[in-house]
Amino acid sequence: MRTVFLLVVLFANLAMANSAVAGKNDAEWNPPARFDYAYTGKLTVRYLPQKQVVTACANLFAKYKIAAKSGFAQRGCAAITGKTSCTVIVIEKIYALATPKAVLRHETGHCNGWAADHPK
């Protein structure tokens, strides 16, 4: 029974990972225009292998008491770390059809105030 549950969770996560093709014109992935601009404060960006992104994001969320969860298919994350600073963790190479550049754009949107639930 546990094996069936784990397979269901695995396939659900794989489906979600492949549903977002992060790219230049992807309306589901890119932040809305009002959040889609270069961050004007101090932006710290760390590029890591995808497996390390998961742990690094969990640690970042814990450090800044952010109520967000890391998942094993995670491509990146962002945390506002001060009034004018933000830390972003990004995959170092393409993962699940997402490029590091697209992930950085997405996460920078969060630094600019785009909520974690991705409202339009």
PDB file of N, CA and C in Angstrom:
ATOM      1  N   MET A   1       0.830  -1.197   0.000  1.00  0.00           N
ATOM      2  CA  MET A   1       0.000   0.000   0.000  1.00  0.00           C
ATOM      3  C   MET A   1       0.875   1.262   0.000  1.00  0.00           C
ATOM      4  N   ARG A   2       1.934   1.231   0.796  1.00  0.00           N
ATOM      5  CA  ARG A   2       2.822   2.383   0.861  1.00  0.00           C
ATOM      6  C   ARG A   2       3.479   2.626  -0.503  1.00  0.00           C
ATOM      7  N   THR A   3       3.843   1.561  -1.186  1.00  0.00           N
ATOM      8  CA  THR A   3       4.465   1.690  -2.507  1.00  0.00           C
ATOM      9  C   THR A   3       3.513   2.360  -3.492  1.00  0.00           C
ATOM     10  N   VAL A   4       2.244   1.984  -3.454  1.00  0.00           N
ATOM     11  CA  VAL A   4       1.249   2.593  -4.335  1.00  0.00           C
ATOM     12  C   VAL A   4       1.131   4.079  -4.041  1.00  0.00           C
ATOM     13  N   PHE A   5       1.085   4.431  -2.760  1.00  0.00           N
ATOM     14  CA  PHE A   5       0.994   5.837  -2.365  1.00  0.00           C
ATOM     15  C   PHE A   5       2.198   6.618  -2.874  1.00  0.00           C
ATOM     16  N   LEU A   6       3.387   6.064  -2.679  1.00  0.00           N
ATOM     17  CA  LEU A   6       4.598   6.754  -3.123  1.00  0.00           C
ATOM     18  C   LEU A   6       4.618   6.922  -4.643  1.00  0.00           C
ATOM     19  N   LEU A   7       4.146   5.926  -5.367  1.00  0.00           N
ATOM     20  CA  LEU A   7       4.083   6.050  -6.826  1.00  0.00           C
ATOM     21  C   LEU A   7       3.100   7.132  -7.249  1.00  0.00           C
ATOM     22  N   VAL A   8       1.964   7.214  -6.565  1.00  0.00           N
ATOM     23  CA  VAL A   8       0.986   8.256  -6.877  1.00  0.00           C
ATOM     24  C   VAL A   8       1.596   9.634  -6.644  1.00  0.00           C
ATOM     25  N   VAL A   9       2.274   9.796  -5.520  1.00  0.00           N
ATOM     26  CA  VAL A   9       2.922  11.080  -5.212  1.00  0.00           C
ATOM     27  C   VAL A   9       3.994  11.393  -6.250  1.00  0.00           C
ATOM     28  N   LEU A  10       4.779  10.387  -6.623  1.00  0.00           N
ATOM     29  CA  LEU A  10       5.828  10.587  -7.616  1.00  0.00           C
ATOM     30  C   LEU A  10       5.245  11.043  -8.949  1.00  0.00           C
ATOM     31  N   PHE A  11       4.240  10.351  -9.445  1.00  0.00           N
ATOM     32  CA  PHE A  11       3.647  10.717 -10.732  1.00  0.00           C
ATOM     33  C   PHE A  11       2.971  12.081 -10.675  1.00  0.00           C
ATOM     34  N   ALA A  12       2.350  12.408  -9.558  1.00  0.00           N
ATOM     35  CA  ALA A  12       1.718  13.728  -9.424  1.00  0.00           C
ATOM     36  C   ALA A  12       2.780  14.824  -9.495  1.00  0.00           C
ATOM     37  N   ASN A  13       3.898  14.619  -8.824  1.00  0.00           N
ATOM     38  CA  ASN A  13       4.966  15.619  -8.855  1.00  0.00           C
ATOM     39  C   ASN A  13       5.605  15.713 -10.226  1.00  0.00           C
ATOM     40  N   LEU A  14       5.762  14.590 -10.901  1.00  0.00           N
ATOM     41  CA  LEU A  14       6.320  14.635 -12.256  1.00  0.00           C
ATOM     42  C   LEU A  14       5.386  15.361 -13.209  1.00  0.00           C
ATOM     43  N   ALA A  15       4.099  15.140 -13.066  1.00  0.00           N
ATOM     44  CA  ALA A  15       3.132  15.835 -13.921  1.00  0.00           C
ATOM     45  C   ALA A  15       3.194  17.331 -13.683  1.00  0.00           C
ATOM     46  N   MET A  16       3.305  17.727 -12.424  1.00  0.00           N
ATOM     47  CA  MET A  16       3.397  19.160 -12.111  1.00  0.00           C
ATOM     48  C   MET A  16       4.704  19.724 -12.637  1.00  0.00           C
ATOM     49  N   ALA A  17       5.786  18.984 -12.516  1.00  0.00           N
ATOM     50  CA  ALA A  17       7.086  19.483 -12.972  1.00  0.00           C
ATOM     51  C   ALA A  17       7.091  19.706 -14.472  1.00  0.00           C
ATOM     52  N   ASN A  18       6.403  18.870 -15.221  1.00  0.00           N
ATOM     53  CA  ASN A  18       6.397  19.004 -16.666  1.00  0.00           C
ATOM     54  C   ASN A  18       5.311  19.932 -17.176  1.00  0.00           C
ATOM     55  N   SER A  19       4.404  20.374 -16.309  1.00  0.00           N
ATOM     56  CA  SER A  19       3.315  21.230 -16.765  1.00  0.00           C
ATOM     57  C   SER A  19       3.753  22.682 -16.941  1.00  0.00           C
ATOM     58  N   ALA A  20       4.847  23.061 -16.329  1.00  0.00           N
ATOM     59  CA  ALA A  20       5.323  24.435 -16.445  1.00  0.00           C
ATOM     60  C   ALA A  20       6.585  24.460 -17.295  1.00  0.00           C
ATOM     61  N   VAL A  21       6.441  24.811 -18.537  1.00  0.00           N
ATOM     62  CA  VAL A  21       7.582  24.931 -19.429  1.00  0.00           C
ATOM     63  C   VAL A  21       8.065  26.368 -19.308  1.00  0.00           C
ATOM     64  N   ALA A  22       9.049  26.559 -18.467  1.00  0.00           N
ATOM     65  CA  ALA A  22       9.514  27.909 -18.184  1.00  0.00           C
ATOM     66  C   ALA A  22      10.211  28.490 -19.391  1.00  0.00           C
ATOM     67  N   GLY A  23       9.661  29.543 -19.907  1.00  0.00           N
ATOM     68  CA  GLY A  23      10.273  30.143 -21.081  1.00  0.00           C
ATOM     69  C   GLY A  23       9.869  31.578 -21.284  1.00  0.00           C
ATOM     70  N   LYS A  24      10.404  32.150 -22.318  1.00  0.00           N
ATOM     71  CA  LYS A  24      10.248  33.567 -22.622  1.00  0.00           C
ATOM     72  C   LYS A  24       8.792  34.033 -22.652  1.00  0.00           C
ATOM     73  N   ASN A  25       7.907  33.267 -23.238  1.00  0.00           N
ATOM     74  CA  ASN A  25       6.522  33.702 -23.402  1.00  0.00           C
ATOM     75  C   ASN A  25       5.523  32.847 -22.632  1.00  0.00           C
ATOM     76  N   ASP A  26       5.955  32.211 -21.581  1.00  0.00           N
ATOM     77  CA  ASP A  26       5.089  31.314 -20.816  1.00  0.00           C
ATOM     78  C   ASP A  26       4.310  32.092 -19.754  1.00  0.00           C
ATOM     79  N   ALA A  27       3.050  32.331 -20.025  1.00  0.00           N
ATOM     80  CA  ALA A  27       2.213  33.123 -19.115  1.00  0.00           C
ATOM     81  C   ALA A  27       1.983  32.420 -17.789  1.00  0.00           C
ATOM     82  N   GLU A  28       2.083  31.115 -17.751  1.00  0.00           N
ATOM     83  CA  GLU A  28       1.891  30.380 -16.501  1.00  0.00           C
ATOM     84  C   GLU A  28       3.141  30.417 -15.628  1.00  0.00           C
ATOM     85  N   TRP A  29       4.274  30.682 -16.195  1.00  0.00           N
ATOM     86  CA  TRP A  29       5.536  30.635 -15.449  1.00  0.00           C
ATOM     87  C   TRP A  29       6.054  32.032 -15.118  1.00  0.00           C
ATOM     88  N   ASN A  30       5.982  32.944 -16.089  1.00  0.00           N
ATOM     89  CA  ASN A  30       6.552  34.274 -15.894  1.00  0.00           C
ATOM     90  C   ASN A  30       5.672  35.117 -14.980  1.00  0.00           C
ATOM     91  N   PRO A  31       6.297  35.993 -14.204  1.00  0.00           N
ATOM     92  CA  PRO A  31       5.501  36.867 -13.346  1.00  0.00           C
ATOM     93  C   PRO A  31       4.689  37.865 -14.170  1.00  0.00           C
ATOM     94  N   PRO A  32       3.582  38.352 -13.616  1.00  0.00           N
ATOM     95  CA  PRO A  32       2.832  39.406 -14.307  1.00  0.00           C
ATOM     96  C   PRO A  32       3.732  40.627 -14.528  1.00  0.00           C
ATOM     97  N   ALA A  33       3.417  41.416 -15.519  1.00  0.00           N
ATOM     98  CA  ALA A  33       4.260  42.556 -15.915  1.00  0.00           C
ATOM     99  C   ALA A  33       4.593  43.478 -14.733  1.00  0.00           C
ATOM    100  N   ARG A  34       3.669  43.656 -13.812  1.00  0.00           N
ATOM    101  CA  ARG A  34       3.930  44.578 -12.698  1.00  0.00           C
ATOM    102  C   ARG A  34       5.020  44.075 -11.742  1.00  0.00           C
ATOM    103  N   PHE A  35       5.406  42.786 -11.856  1.00  0.00           N
ATOM    104  CA  PHE A  35       6.484  42.220 -11.036  1.00  0.00           C
ATOM    105  C   PHE A  35       7.673  41.768 -11.877  1.00  0.00           C
ATOM    106  N   ASP A  36       7.596  41.933 -13.188  1.00  0.00           N
ATOM    107  CA  ASP A  36       8.588  41.398 -14.115  1.00  0.00           C
ATOM    108  C   ASP A  36       9.591  42.472 -14.532  1.00  0.00           C
ATOM    109  N   TYR A  37      10.489  42.788 -13.623  1.00  0.00           N
ATOM    110  CA  TYR A  37      11.533  43.776 -13.885  1.00  0.00           C
ATOM    111  C   TYR A  37      12.731  43.457 -13.001  1.00  0.00           C
ATOM    112  N   ALA A  38      13.858  44.051 -13.302  1.00  0.00           N
ATOM    113  CA  ALA A  38      15.073  43.805 -12.525  1.00  0.00           C
ATOM    114  C   ALA A  38      14.878  44.273 -11.087  1.00  0.00           C
ATOM    115  N   TYR A  39      15.352  43.490 -10.147  1.00  0.00           N
ATOM    116  CA  TYR A  39      15.269  43.853  -8.736  1.00  0.00           C
ATOM    117  C   TYR A  39      16.206  45.033  -8.481  1.00  0.00           C
ATOM    118  N   THR A  40      15.738  46.036  -7.764  1.00  0.00           N
ATOM    119  CA  THR A  40      16.543  47.250  -7.577  1.00  0.00           C
ATOM    120  C   THR A  40      17.369  47.232  -6.296  1.00  0.00           C
ATOM    121  N   GLY A  41      17.132  46.291  -5.417  1.00  0.00           N
ATOM    122  CA  GLY A  41      17.924  46.185  -4.192  1.00  0.00           C
ATOM    123  C   GLY A  41      19.109  45.268  -4.391  1.00  0.00           C
ATOM    124  N   LYS A  42      19.640  44.786  -3.268  1.00  0.00           N
ATOM    125  CA  LYS A  42      20.766  43.849  -3.315  1.00  0.00           C
ATOM    126  C   LYS A  42      20.202  42.459  -3.578  1.00  0.00           C
ATOM    127  N   LEU A  43      20.541  41.884  -4.716  1.00  0.00           N
ATOM    128  CA  LEU A  43      20.070  40.564  -5.105  1.00  0.00           C
ATOM    129  C   LEU A  43      21.225  39.576  -5.006  1.00  0.00           C
ATOM    130  N   THR A  44      21.052  38.581  -4.145  1.00  0.00           N
ATOM    131  CA  THR A  44      22.034  37.517  -4.012  1.00  0.00           C
ATOM    132  C   THR A  44      21.483  36.300  -4.737  1.00  0.00           C
ATOM    133  N   VAL A  45      22.226  35.783  -5.703  1.00  0.00           N
ATOM    134  CA  VAL A  45      21.787  34.640  -6.491  1.00  0.00           C
ATOM    135  C   VAL A  45      22.782  33.500  -6.304  1.00  0.00           C
ATOM    136  N   ARG A  46      22.247  32.338  -5.963  1.00  0.00           N
ATOM    137  CA  ARG A  46      23.066  31.128  -5.820  1.00  0.00           C
ATOM    138  C   ARG A  46      22.584  30.109  -6.844  1.00  0.00           C
ATOM    139  N   TYR A  47      23.497  29.629  -7.678  1.00  0.00           N
ATOM    140  CA  TYR A  47      23.194  28.591  -8.658  1.00  0.00           C
ATOM    141  C   TYR A  47      23.685  27.259  -8.098  1.00  0.00           C
ATOM    142  N   LEU A  48      22.778  26.286  -8.033  1.00  0.00           N
ATOM    143  CA  LEU A  48      23.112  24.992  -7.450  1.00  0.00           C
ATOM    144  C   LEU A  48      22.554  23.854  -8.300  1.00  0.00           C
ATOM    145  N   PRO A  49      23.123  22.653  -8.144  1.00  0.00           N
ATOM    146  CA  PRO A  49      22.501  21.481  -8.776  1.00  0.00           C
ATOM    147  C   PRO A  49      21.089  21.313  -8.207  1.00  0.00           C
ATOM    148  N   GLN A  50      20.182  20.789  -9.010  1.00  0.00           N
ATOM    149  CA  GLN A  50      18.773  20.719  -8.613  1.00  0.00           C
ATOM    150  C   GLN A  50      18.575  20.008  -7.277  1.00  0.00           C
ATOM    151  N   LYS A  51      19.254  18.924  -7.030  1.00  0.00           N
ATOM    152  CA  LYS A  51      19.072  18.210  -5.759  1.00  0.00           C
ATOM    153  C   LYS A  51      19.481  19.082  -4.573  1.00  0.00           C
ATOM    154  N   GLN A  52      20.451  19.957  -4.749  1.00  0.00           N
ATOM    155  CA  GLN A  52      20.860  20.860  -3.682  1.00  0.00           C
ATOM    156  C   GLN A  52      19.894  22.038  -3.538  1.00  0.00           C
ATOM    157  N   VAL A  53      19.195  22.386  -4.624  1.00  0.00           N
ATOM    158  CA  VAL A  53      18.206  23.471  -4.579  1.00  0.00           C
ATOM    159  C   VAL A  53      17.133  23.148  -3.546  1.00  0.00           C
ATOM    160  N   VAL A  54      16.672  21.921  -3.527  1.00  0.00           N
ATOM    161  CA  VAL A  54      15.609  21.512  -2.604  1.00  0.00           C
ATOM    162  C   VAL A  54      16.017  21.775  -1.162  1.00  0.00           C
ATOM    163  N   THR A  55      17.191  21.322  -0.775  1.00  0.00           N
ATOM    164  CA  THR A  55      17.673  21.508   0.596  1.00  0.00           C
ATOM    165  C   THR A  55      17.965  22.971   0.892  1.00  0.00           C
ATOM    166  N   ALA A  56      18.604  23.653  -0.054  1.00  0.00           N
ATOM    167  CA  ALA A  56      18.943  25.061   0.150  1.00  0.00           C
ATOM    168  C   ALA A  56      17.685  25.912   0.312  1.00  0.00           C
ATOM    169  N   CYS A  57      16.650  25.620  -0.465  1.00  0.00           N
ATOM    170  CA  CYS A  57      15.394  26.367  -0.346  1.00  0.00           C
ATOM    171  C   CYS A  57      14.720  26.095   0.991  1.00  0.00           C
ATOM    172  N   ALA A  58      14.712  24.836   1.419  1.00  0.00           N
ATOM    173  CA  ALA A  58      14.130  24.498   2.724  1.00  0.00           C
ATOM    174  C   ALA A  58      14.860  25.255   3.828  1.00  0.00           C
ATOM    175  N   ASN A  59      16.173  25.316   3.743  1.00  0.00           N
ATOM    176  CA  ASN A  59      16.962  26.044   4.746  1.00  0.00           C
ATOM    177  C   ASN A  59      16.696  27.545   4.695  1.00  0.00           C
ATOM    178  N   LEU A  60      16.586  28.089   3.492  1.00  0.00           N
ATOM    179  CA  LEU A  60      16.300  29.512   3.325  1.00  0.00           C
ATOM    180  C   LEU A  60      14.933  29.856   3.917  1.00  0.00           C
ATOM    181  N   PHE A  61      13.932  29.031   3.615  1.00  0.00           N
ATOM    182  CA  PHE A  61      12.591  29.267   4.153  1.00  0.00           C
ATOM    183  C   PHE A  61      12.589  29.188   5.677  1.00  0.00           C
ATOM    184  N   ALA A  62      13.308  28.229   6.227  1.00  0.00           N
ATOM    185  CA  ALA A  62      13.367  28.076   7.689  1.00  0.00           C
ATOM    186  C   ALA A  62      14.069  29.276   8.330  1.00  0.00           C
ATOM    187  N   LYS A  63      15.168  29.713   7.721  1.00  0.00           N
ATOM    188  CA  LYS A  63      15.942  30.834   8.276  1.00  0.00           C
ATOM    189  C   LYS A  63      15.115  32.113   8.350  1.00  0.00           C
ATOM    190  N   TYR A  64      14.307  32.359   7.333  1.00  0.00           N
ATOM    191  CA  TYR A  64      13.520  33.593   7.284  1.00  0.00           C
ATOM    192  C   TYR A  64      12.059  33.369   7.657  1.00  0.00           C
ATOM    193  N   LYS A  65      11.786  32.203   8.244  1.00  0.00           N
ATOM    194  CA  LYS A  65      10.446  31.873   8.743  1.00  0.00           C
ATOM    195  C   LYS A  65       9.366  32.086   7.679  1.00  0.00           C
ATOM    196  N   ILE A  66       9.633  31.552   6.501  1.00  0.00           N
ATOM    197  CA  ILE A  66       8.702  31.638   5.384  1.00  0.00           C
ATOM    198  C   ILE A  66       7.882  30.354   5.350  1.00  0.00           C
ATOM    199  N   ALA A  67       6.584  30.510   5.326  1.00  0.00           N
ATOM    200  CA  ALA A  67       5.688  29.349   5.320  1.00  0.00           C
ATOM    201  C   ALA A  67       5.539  28.818   3.902  1.00  0.00           C
ATOM    202  N   ALA A  68       6.586  28.232   3.401  1.00  0.00           N
ATOM    203  CA  ALA A  68       6.571  27.639   2.068  1.00  0.00           C
ATOM    204  C   ALA A  68       7.222  26.276   2.159  1.00  0.00           C
ATOM    205  N   LYS A  69       6.883  25.429   1.236  1.00  0.00           N
ATOM    206  CA  LYS A  69       7.426  24.075   1.237  1.00  0.00           C
ATOM    207  C   LYS A  69       8.341  23.872   0.046  1.00  0.00           C
ATOM    208  N   SER A  70       9.363  23.093   0.268  1.00  0.00           N
ATOM    209  CA  SER A  70      10.241  22.691  -0.818  1.00  0.00           C
ATOM    210  C   SER A  70       9.760  21.349  -1.339  1.00  0.00           C
ATOM    211  N   GLY A  71       9.915  21.133  -2.635  1.00  0.00           N
ATOM    212  CA  GLY A  71       9.536  19.863  -3.230  1.00  0.00           C
ATOM    213  C   GLY A  71      10.689  19.293  -4.022  1.00  0.00           C
ATOM    214  N   PHE A  72      10.685  17.975  -4.229  1.00  0.00           N
ATOM    215  CA  PHE A  72      11.847  17.365  -4.860  1.00  0.00           C
ATOM    216  C   PHE A  72      12.022  17.773  -6.316  1.00  0.00           C
ATOM    217  N   ALA A  73      11.011  18.356  -6.952  1.00  0.00           N
ATOM    218  CA  ALA A  73      11.137  18.819  -8.335  1.00  0.00           C
ATOM    219  C   ALA A  73      11.373  20.327  -8.407  1.00  0.00           C
ATOM    220  N   GLN A  74      11.729  20.917  -7.304  1.00  0.00           N
ATOM    221  CA  GLN A  74      11.892  22.363  -7.216  1.00  0.00           C
ATOM    222  C   GLN A  74      13.030  22.866  -8.094  1.00  0.00           C
ATOM    223  N   ARG A  75      12.786  24.001  -8.730  1.00  0.00           N
ATOM    224  CA  ARG A  75      13.776  24.599  -9.627  1.00  0.00           C
ATOM    225  C   ARG A  75      14.471  25.800  -8.996  1.00  0.00           C
ATOM    226  N   GLY A  76      13.842  26.416  -8.007  1.00  0.00           N
ATOM    227  CA  GLY A  76      14.413  27.583  -7.369  1.00  0.00           C
ATOM    228  C   GLY A  76      13.489  28.116  -6.303  1.00  0.00           C
ATOM    229  N   CYS A  77      13.935  29.178  -5.647  1.00  0.00           N
ATOM    230  CA  CYS A  77      13.123  29.832  -4.622  1.00  0.00           C
ATOM    231  C   CYS A  77      13.685  31.221  -4.378  1.00  0.00           C
ATOM    232  N   ALA A  78      12.910  32.018  -3.667  1.00  0.00           N
ATOM    233  CA  ALA A  78      13.343  33.376  -3.348  1.00  0.00           C
ATOM    234  C   ALA A  78      12.867  33.722  -1.952  1.00  0.00           C
ATOM    235  N   ALA A  79      13.645  34.544  -1.275  1.00  0.00           N
ATOM    236  CA  ALA A  79      13.255  35.052   0.036  1.00  0.00           C
ATOM    237  C   ALA A  79      13.698  36.498   0.158  1.00  0.00           C
ATOM    238  N   ILE A  80      12.769  37.343   0.543  1.00  0.00           N
ATOM    239  CA  ILE A  80      13.115  38.729   0.838  1.00  0.00           C
ATOM    240  C   ILE A  80      13.826  38.702   2.180  1.00  0.00           C
ATOM    241  N   THR A  81      15.068  39.157   2.184  1.00  0.00           N
ATOM    242  CA  THR A  81      15.919  39.013   3.360  1.00  0.00           C
ATOM    243  C   THR A  81      16.156  40.319   4.103  1.00  0.00           C
ATOM    244  N   GLY A  82      15.592  41.391   3.614  1.00  0.00           N
ATOM    245  CA  GLY A  82      15.714  42.701   4.242  1.00  0.00           C
ATOM    246  C   GLY A  82      14.859  43.701   3.489  1.00  0.00           C
ATOM    247  N   LYS A  83      14.879  44.952   3.927  1.00  0.00           N
ATOM    248  CA  LYS A  83      14.048  45.966   3.259  1.00  0.00           C
ATOM    249  C   LYS A  83      14.453  46.160   1.802  1.00  0.00           C
ATOM    250  N   THR A  84      15.727  45.989   1.516  1.00  0.00           N
ATOM    251  CA  THR A  84      16.203  46.173   0.142  1.00  0.00           C
ATOM    252  C   THR A  84      17.111  45.026  -0.289  1.00  0.00           C
ATOM    253  N   SER A  85      16.814  43.822   0.173  1.00  0.00           N
ATOM    254  CA  SER A  85      17.637  42.674  -0.236  1.00  0.00           C
ATOM    255  C   SER A  85      16.777  41.434  -0.414  1.00  0.00           C
ATOM    256  N   CYS A  86      17.219  40.594  -1.337  1.00  0.00           N
ATOM    257  CA  CYS A  86      16.506  39.363  -1.641  1.00  0.00           C
ATOM    258  C   CYS A  86      17.531  38.305  -2.032  1.00  0.00           C
ATOM    259  N   THR A  87      17.281  37.081  -1.597  1.00  0.00           N
ATOM    260  CA  THR A  87      18.140  35.954  -1.964  1.00  0.00           C
ATOM    261  C   THR A  87      17.353  35.008  -2.853  1.00  0.00           C
ATOM    262  N   VAL A  88      17.978  34.604  -3.945  1.00  0.00           N
ATOM    263  CA  VAL A  88      17.361  33.690  -4.902  1.00  0.00           C
ATOM    264  C   VAL A  88      18.272  32.483  -5.059  1.00  0.00           C
ATOM    265  N   ILE A  89      17.671  31.315  -5.065  1.00  0.00           N
ATOM    266  CA  ILE A  89      18.393  30.075  -5.350  1.00  0.00           C
ATOM    267  C   ILE A  89      17.827  29.530  -6.648  1.00  0.00           C
ATOM    268  N   VAL A  90      18.733  29.165  -7.568  1.00  0.00           N
ATOM    269  CA  VAL A  90      18.346  28.791  -8.930  1.00  0.00           C
ATOM    270  C   VAL A  90      19.093  27.520  -9.341  1.00  0.00           C
ATOM    271  N   ILE A  91      18.415  26.676 -10.123  1.00  0.00           N
ATOM    272  CA  ILE A  91      19.088  25.519 -10.704  1.00  0.00           C
ATOM    273  C   ILE A  91      20.255  25.991 -11.562  1.00  0.00           C
ATOM    274  N   GLU A  92      21.322  25.207 -11.599  1.00  0.00           N
ATOM    275  CA  GLU A  92      22.495  25.616 -12.373  1.00  0.00           C
ATOM    276  C   GLU A  92      22.427  25.214 -13.848  1.00  0.00           C
ATOM    277  N   LYS A  93      21.526  24.275 -14.176  1.00  0.00           N
ATOM    278  CA  LYS A  93      21.357  23.870 -15.570  1.00  0.00           C
ATOM    279  C   LYS A  93      19.895  23.491 -15.793  1.00  0.00           C
ATOM    280  N   ILE A  94      19.509  23.294 -17.033  1.00  0.00           N
ATOM    281  CA  ILE A  94      18.108  23.001 -17.369  1.00  0.00           C
ATOM    282  C   ILE A  94      17.615  21.795 -16.583  1.00  0.00           C
ATOM    283  N   TYR A  95      16.439  21.954 -16.001  1.00  0.00           N
ATOM    284  CA  TYR A  95      15.802  20.879 -15.248  1.00  0.00           C
ATOM    285  C   TYR A  95      14.298  20.945 -15.498  1.00  0.00           C
ATOM    286  N   ALA A  96      13.706  19.824 -15.859  1.00  0.00           N
ATOM    287  CA  ALA A  96      12.255  19.734 -16.108  1.00  0.00           C
ATOM    288  C   ALA A  96      11.803  20.863 -17.045  1.00  0.00           C
ATOM    289  N   LEU A  97      12.553  21.076 -18.103  1.00  0.00           N
ATOM    290  CA  LEU A  97      12.264  22.060 -19.150  1.00  0.00           C
ATOM    291  C   LEU A  97      12.417  23.507 -18.712  1.00  0.00           C
ATOM    292  N   ALA A  98      12.933  23.741 -17.535  1.00  0.00           N
ATOM    293  CA  ALA A  98      13.147  25.112 -17.059  1.00  0.00           C
ATOM    294  C   ALA A  98      14.627  25.462 -17.174  1.00  0.00           C
ATOM    295  N   THR A  99      14.903  26.637 -17.708  1.00  0.00           N
ATOM    296  CA  THR A  99      16.285  27.103 -17.798  1.00  0.00           C
ATOM    297  C   THR A  99      16.620  27.942 -16.567  1.00  0.00           C
ATOM    298  N   PRO A 100      17.899  28.009 -16.200  1.00  0.00           N
ATOM    299  CA  PRO A 100      18.268  28.879 -15.088  1.00  0.00           C
ATOM    300  C   PRO A 100      17.801  30.330 -15.286  1.00  0.00           C
ATOM    301  N   LYS A 101      17.895  30.816 -16.520  1.00  0.00           N
ATOM    302  CA  LYS A 101      17.474  32.196 -16.818  1.00  0.00           C
ATOM    303  C   LYS A 101      15.977  32.381 -16.542  1.00  0.00           C
ATOM    304  N   ALA A 102      15.158  31.417 -16.952  1.00  0.00           N
ATOM    305  CA  ALA A 102      13.715  31.509 -16.724  1.00  0.00           C
ATOM    306  C   ALA A 102      13.389  31.413 -15.234  1.00  0.00           C
ATOM    307  N   VAL A 103      14.105  30.555 -14.517  1.00  0.00           N
ATOM    308  CA  VAL A 103      13.881  30.423 -13.073  1.00  0.00           C
ATOM    309  C   VAL A 103      14.264  31.717 -12.370  1.00  0.00           C
ATOM    310  N   LEU A 104      15.383  32.317 -12.760  1.00  0.00           N
ATOM    311  CA  LEU A 104      15.802  33.582 -12.153  1.00  0.00           C
ATOM    312  C   LEU A 104      14.750  34.664 -12.393  1.00  0.00           C
ATOM    313  N   ARG A 105      14.208  34.730 -13.588  1.00  0.00           N
ATOM    314  CA  ARG A 105      13.154  35.709 -13.896  1.00  0.00           C
ATOM    315  C   ARG A 105      11.937  35.480 -13.005  1.00  0.00           C
ATOM    316  N   HIS A 106      11.527  34.217 -12.871  1.00  0.00           N
ATOM    317  CA  HIS A 106      10.382  33.857 -12.049  1.00  0.00           C
ATOM    318  C   HIS A 106      10.623  34.253 -10.584  1.00  0.00           C
ATOM    319  N   GLU A 107      11.766  33.863 -10.063  1.00  0.00           N
ATOM    320  CA  GLU A 107      12.066  34.136  -8.650  1.00  0.00           C
ATOM    321  C   GLU A 107      12.279  35.627  -8.393  1.00  0.00           C
ATOM    322  N   THR A 108      12.840  36.345  -9.348  1.00  0.00           N
ATOM    323  CA  THR A 108      12.986  37.795  -9.185  1.00  0.00           C
ATOM    324  C   THR A 108      11.619  38.455  -9.074  1.00  0.00           C
ATOM    325  N   GLY A 109      10.634  37.917  -9.768  1.00  0.00           N
ATOM    326  CA  GLY A 109       9.257  38.400  -9.606  1.00  0.00           C
ATOM    327  C   GLY A 109       8.803  38.311  -8.156  1.00  0.00           C
ATOM    328  N   HIS A 110       9.188  37.235  -7.469  1.00  0.00           N
ATOM    329  CA  HIS A 110       8.850  37.106  -6.046  1.00  0.00           C
ATOM    330  C   HIS A 110       9.588  38.156  -5.215  1.00  0.00           C
ATOM    331  N   CYS A 111      10.832  38.433  -5.564  1.00  0.00           N
ATOM    332  CA  CYS A 111      11.579  39.497  -4.863  1.00  0.00           C
ATOM    333  C   CYS A 111      10.881  40.845  -5.028  1.00  0.00           C
ATOM    334  N   ASN A 112      10.226  41.028  -6.178  1.00  0.00           N
ATOM    335  CA  ASN A 112       9.535  42.284  -6.475  1.00  0.00           C
ATOM    336  C   ASN A 112       8.114  42.339  -5.908  1.00  0.00           C
ATOM    337  N   GLY A 113       7.739  41.307  -5.144  1.00  0.00           N
ATOM    338  CA  GLY A 113       6.444  41.339  -4.475  1.00  0.00           C
ATOM    339  C   GLY A 113       5.390  40.387  -4.984  1.00  0.00           C
ATOM    340  N   TRP A 114       5.702  39.590  -5.997  1.00  0.00           N
ATOM    341  CA  TRP A 114       4.747  38.619  -6.527  1.00  0.00           C
ATOM    342  C   TRP A 114       4.529  37.532  -5.478  1.00  0.00           C
ATOM    343  N   ALA A 115       3.307  37.312  -5.095  1.00  0.00           N
ATOM    344  CA  ALA A 115       2.983  36.367  -4.034  1.00  0.00           C
ATOM    345  C   ALA A 115       3.306  34.928  -4.442  1.00  0.00           C
ATOM    346  N   ALA A 116       3.549  34.105  -3.465  1.00  0.00           N
ATOM    347  CA  ALA A 116       3.935  32.703  -3.697  1.00  0.00           C
ATOM    348  C   ALA A 116       2.850  31.893  -4.385  1.00  0.00           C
ATOM    349  N   ASP A 117       1.585  32.310  -4.266  1.00  0.00           N
ATOM    350  CA  ASP A 117       0.513  31.565  -4.927  1.00  0.00           C
ATOM    351  C   ASP A 117       0.315  31.996  -6.380  1.00  0.00           C
ATOM    352  N   HIS A 118       1.208  32.844  -6.878  1.00  0.00           N
ATOM    353  CA  HIS A 118       1.262  33.254  -8.278  1.00  0.00           C
ATOM    354  C   HIS A 118      -0.015  33.883  -8.825  1.00  0.00           C
ATOM    355  N   PRO A 119      -0.547  34.897  -8.154  1.00  0.00           N
ATOM    356  CA  PRO A 119      -1.743  35.560  -8.709  1.00  0.00           C
ATOM    357  C   PRO A 119      -1.385  36.303  -9.990  1.00  0.00           C
ATOM    358  N   LYS A 120      -2.361  36.481 -10.851  1.00  0.00           N
ATOM    359  CA  LYS A 120      -2.136  37.188 -12.123  1.00  0.00           C
ATOM    360  C   LYS A 120      -2.158  38.667 -11.953  1.00  0.00           C
TER     361      LYS A 120
END
